């Protein structure tokens, strides 16, 4: 099982750069980059709330659950 982070997709739809999101949310570029690339192990609800507030989206727009075998099939 895996949680896939689609932050880059939502940011692109909103035409927002990582620098702009960083400034509006109050997180460092490196922390947002870790989240955006899917390398984060956890996220605080307050951080998720702030990102959703700025991007005017729901948590499910940013993250989704994908089964491992489905993910492997999609990578081929």
N, C-alpha and C. Protein backbone atom coordinates (compact mmCIF):
# COMPACT_ATOMS: atom_id res chain seq x y z
N UNK A 1 0.83 -1.18 0.00
CA UNK A 1 0.00 0.00 0.00
C UNK A 1 0.87 1.23 0.00
N UNK A 2 0.35 2.30 -0.61
CA UNK A 2 1.13 3.52 -0.68
C UNK A 2 0.21 4.73 -0.75
N UNK A 3 0.69 5.78 -0.19
CA UNK A 3 0.01 7.07 -0.31
C UNK A 3 0.78 7.86 -1.36
N UNK A 4 0.08 8.28 -2.39
CA UNK A 4 0.69 9.06 -3.46
C UNK A 4 0.35 10.52 -3.23
N UNK A 5 1.35 11.37 -3.32
CA UNK A 5 1.17 12.81 -3.11
C UNK A 5 1.04 13.49 -4.47
N UNK A 6 -0.07 14.18 -4.67
CA UNK A 6 -0.33 14.89 -5.92
C UNK A 6 -0.26 16.40 -5.75
N UNK A 7 0.59 16.84 -4.85
CA UNK A 7 0.71 18.28 -4.58
C UNK A 7 1.11 19.04 -5.83
N UNK A 8 2.01 18.49 -6.62
CA UNK A 8 2.46 19.18 -7.83
C UNK A 8 1.31 19.37 -8.83
N UNK A 9 0.41 18.40 -8.90
CA UNK A 9 -0.74 18.50 -9.80
C UNK A 9 -1.67 19.62 -9.36
N UNK A 10 -1.96 19.67 -8.07
CA UNK A 10 -2.85 20.71 -7.55
C UNK A 10 -2.21 22.08 -7.70
N UNK A 11 -0.91 22.17 -7.44
CA UNK A 11 -0.21 23.44 -7.61
C UNK A 11 -0.26 23.90 -9.06
N UNK A 12 -0.07 22.98 -9.99
CA UNK A 12 -0.11 23.33 -11.41
C UNK A 12 -1.50 23.83 -11.82
N UNK A 13 -2.54 23.18 -11.31
CA UNK A 13 -3.91 23.61 -11.61
C UNK A 13 -4.17 25.01 -11.09
N UNK A 14 -3.55 25.34 -9.96
CA UNK A 14 -3.74 26.67 -9.35
C UNK A 14 -2.71 27.68 -9.85
N UNK A 15 -1.79 27.22 -10.71
CA UNK A 15 -0.70 28.05 -11.26
C UNK A 15 0.09 28.71 -10.13
N UNK A 16 0.46 27.87 -9.14
CA UNK A 16 1.21 28.35 -8.00
C UNK A 16 2.57 27.66 -7.95
N UNK A 17 3.60 28.45 -7.73
CA UNK A 17 4.95 27.90 -7.64
C UNK A 17 5.22 27.41 -6.22
N UNK A 18 6.25 26.59 -6.10
CA UNK A 18 6.66 26.10 -4.79
C UNK A 18 7.08 27.26 -3.90
N UNK A 19 7.75 28.26 -4.47
CA UNK A 19 8.16 29.44 -3.70
C UNK A 19 6.96 30.19 -3.15
N UNK A 20 5.94 30.36 -3.98
CA UNK A 20 4.74 31.08 -3.54
C UNK A 20 3.99 30.30 -2.46
N UNK A 21 3.85 28.98 -2.67
CA UNK A 21 3.18 28.16 -1.66
C UNK A 21 3.95 28.18 -0.35
N UNK A 22 5.26 28.11 -0.44
CA UNK A 22 6.11 28.14 0.75
C UNK A 22 5.88 29.42 1.56
N UNK A 23 5.84 30.54 0.87
CA UNK A 23 5.63 31.83 1.54
C UNK A 23 4.25 31.92 2.18
N UNK A 24 3.23 31.42 1.47
CA UNK A 24 1.87 31.54 1.97
C UNK A 24 1.56 30.56 3.10
N UNK A 25 2.21 29.39 3.07
CA UNK A 25 1.95 28.37 4.09
C UNK A 25 2.88 28.54 5.29
N UNK A 26 4.05 29.13 5.06
CA UNK A 26 5.00 29.31 6.15
C UNK A 26 5.89 28.10 6.37
N UNK A 27 6.12 27.31 5.32
CA UNK A 27 7.02 26.16 5.40
C UNK A 27 8.25 26.43 4.55
N UNK A 28 9.34 25.78 4.89
CA UNK A 28 10.54 25.95 4.09
C UNK A 28 10.38 25.26 2.74
N UNK A 29 11.14 25.73 1.77
CA UNK A 29 11.11 25.11 0.45
C UNK A 29 11.51 23.65 0.52
N UNK A 30 12.50 23.34 1.35
CA UNK A 30 12.97 21.96 1.44
C UNK A 30 11.88 21.04 2.01
N UNK A 31 11.15 21.49 3.02
CA UNK A 31 10.08 20.66 3.58
C UNK A 31 8.94 20.46 2.58
N UNK A 32 8.58 21.50 1.85
CA UNK A 32 7.54 21.36 0.83
C UNK A 32 8.02 20.47 -0.31
N UNK A 33 9.27 20.58 -0.66
CA UNK A 33 9.83 19.75 -1.72
C UNK A 33 9.80 18.27 -1.33
N UNK A 34 10.13 17.97 -0.08
CA UNK A 34 10.06 16.59 0.42
C UNK A 34 8.64 16.07 0.32
N UNK A 35 7.68 16.89 0.67
CA UNK A 35 6.28 16.49 0.58
C UNK A 35 5.86 16.31 -0.87
N UNK A 36 6.24 17.26 -1.71
CA UNK A 36 5.85 17.24 -3.12
C UNK A 36 6.40 16.02 -3.85
N UNK A 37 7.60 15.59 -3.50
CA UNK A 37 8.21 14.45 -4.18
C UNK A 37 7.77 13.12 -3.59
N UNK A 38 6.96 13.16 -2.55
CA UNK A 38 6.47 11.92 -1.96
C UNK A 38 7.44 11.25 -1.02
N UNK A 39 8.46 11.97 -0.59
CA UNK A 39 9.47 11.39 0.30
C UNK A 39 9.16 11.61 1.78
N UNK A 40 8.11 12.36 2.06
CA UNK A 40 7.73 12.63 3.45
C UNK A 40 7.16 11.36 4.09
N UNK A 41 7.49 11.14 5.34
CA UNK A 41 6.97 10.00 6.09
C UNK A 41 5.69 10.35 6.84
N UNK A 42 5.47 11.63 7.07
CA UNK A 42 4.29 12.08 7.82
C UNK A 42 4.02 13.54 7.49
N UNK A 43 2.81 13.97 7.81
CA UNK A 43 2.46 15.38 7.66
C UNK A 43 1.53 15.75 8.81
N UNK A 44 1.76 16.89 9.39
CA UNK A 44 0.90 17.36 10.48
C UNK A 44 -0.42 17.84 9.90
N UNK A 45 -1.47 17.63 10.66
CA UNK A 45 -2.77 18.11 10.22
C UNK A 45 -2.77 19.62 10.03
N UNK A 46 -2.05 20.33 10.87
CA UNK A 46 -2.00 21.79 10.73
C UNK A 46 -1.33 22.20 9.42
N UNK A 47 -0.33 21.44 8.99
CA UNK A 47 0.34 21.71 7.72
C UNK A 47 -0.60 21.39 6.56
N UNK A 48 -1.27 20.25 6.64
CA UNK A 48 -2.21 19.86 5.61
C UNK A 48 -3.34 20.88 5.51
N UNK A 49 -3.82 21.34 6.65
CA UNK A 49 -4.88 22.35 6.68
C UNK A 49 -4.42 23.65 6.00
N UNK A 50 -3.21 24.08 6.31
CA UNK A 50 -2.69 25.31 5.72
C UNK A 50 -2.53 25.19 4.21
N UNK A 51 -2.04 24.03 3.74
CA UNK A 51 -1.87 23.81 2.30
C UNK A 51 -3.23 23.81 1.62
N UNK A 52 -4.20 23.11 2.20
CA UNK A 52 -5.54 23.06 1.63
C UNK A 52 -6.19 24.44 1.61
N UNK A 53 -5.96 25.22 2.64
CA UNK A 53 -6.50 26.57 2.71
C UNK A 53 -5.95 27.43 1.58
N UNK A 54 -4.64 27.40 1.41
CA UNK A 54 -3.98 28.22 0.38
C UNK A 54 -4.36 27.75 -1.02
N UNK A 55 -4.40 26.44 -1.24
CA UNK A 55 -4.69 25.90 -2.57
C UNK A 55 -6.19 25.72 -2.83
N UNK A 56 -7.01 26.03 -1.82
CA UNK A 56 -8.46 25.89 -1.93
C UNK A 56 -8.83 24.50 -2.45
N UNK A 57 -8.39 23.49 -1.69
CA UNK A 57 -8.64 22.10 -2.07
C UNK A 57 -8.93 21.25 -0.84
N UNK A 58 -9.21 20.00 -1.06
CA UNK A 58 -9.45 19.03 0.00
C UNK A 58 -8.20 18.15 0.16
N UNK A 59 -7.99 17.55 1.34
CA UNK A 59 -6.84 16.66 1.53
C UNK A 59 -6.77 15.55 0.48
N UNK A 60 -7.94 15.04 0.07
CA UNK A 60 -7.97 13.99 -0.95
C UNK A 60 -7.52 14.45 -2.32
N UNK A 61 -7.49 15.77 -2.55
CA UNK A 61 -6.96 16.30 -3.80
C UNK A 61 -5.43 16.21 -3.82
N UNK A 62 -4.84 16.26 -2.64
CA UNK A 62 -3.39 16.26 -2.52
C UNK A 62 -2.83 14.86 -2.35
N UNK A 63 -3.56 13.99 -1.65
CA UNK A 63 -3.07 12.65 -1.37
C UNK A 63 -4.10 11.62 -1.78
N UNK A 64 -3.62 10.45 -2.22
CA UNK A 64 -4.51 9.35 -2.54
C UNK A 64 -3.83 8.03 -2.19
N UNK A 65 -4.66 7.06 -1.88
CA UNK A 65 -4.18 5.71 -1.56
C UNK A 65 -4.18 4.89 -2.85
N UNK A 66 -3.05 4.24 -3.13
CA UNK A 66 -2.93 3.37 -4.30
C UNK A 66 -2.33 2.06 -3.83
N UNK A 67 -2.98 0.95 -4.17
CA UNK A 67 -2.46 -0.36 -3.81
C UNK A 67 -1.12 -0.59 -4.51
N UNK A 68 -0.22 -1.32 -3.83
CA UNK A 68 1.11 -1.57 -4.38
C UNK A 68 1.07 -2.22 -5.75
N UNK A 69 0.29 -3.28 -5.92
CA UNK A 69 0.28 -3.96 -7.21
C UNK A 69 -0.27 -3.08 -8.32
N UNK A 70 -1.21 -2.20 -8.00
CA UNK A 70 -1.73 -1.26 -9.00
C UNK A 70 -0.66 -0.24 -9.37
N UNK A 71 0.11 0.20 -8.38
CA UNK A 71 1.17 1.17 -8.63
C UNK A 71 2.24 0.56 -9.51
N UNK A 72 2.59 -0.70 -9.28
CA UNK A 72 3.61 -1.37 -10.07
C UNK A 72 3.15 -1.51 -11.51
N UNK A 73 1.89 -1.83 -11.73
CA UNK A 73 1.37 -1.95 -13.09
C UNK A 73 1.40 -0.63 -13.83
N UNK A 74 1.12 0.47 -13.12
CA UNK A 74 1.11 1.79 -13.74
C UNK A 74 2.51 2.25 -14.12
N UNK A 75 3.54 1.72 -13.47
CA UNK A 75 4.91 2.19 -13.74
C UNK A 75 5.49 1.54 -14.99
N UNK A 76 4.83 0.52 -15.56
CA UNK A 76 5.34 -0.14 -16.77
C UNK A 76 4.97 0.60 -18.02
